[in-house]
Amino acid sequence: MEEGNKYWLDKEYRNCVFCGIGMDRMEHYVEECQKVCSWFRDLREDKEEIWRKLWSEDLDSEKCKILNKLKREKEKEIRKKRTDEERIIEVTDIE
């Protein structure tokens, strides 16, 4: 999920799976992504506090809940995208 150095992925999978605009990395999720950034506000309102809490060794329940939700929702979006791509391929094969 970090940085843009994912050479093994197609370009479309390096982008944010939620909004498609930013890169697939925590910085985008916390600060820019309109769908996801609100999830992190449960940790704190101040972005510096959010980062401090995310990168700390402490595993509190709120941090675990948010990171698990991010992982779960991201996997769901990827499955949905792949299913949509398979449908497009099937339709083009029929034509």
Foldseek 3Di string as FASTA:
>chain_A
DADQPPVVDDPQVQAQLQPSPHGPHPVCQCPPDPVRVVLLCVQPVDSVSSVCVQPDPDDDPSNVVSVVVVVVVSVVSVVVVVVVVVVVVVVVVVD
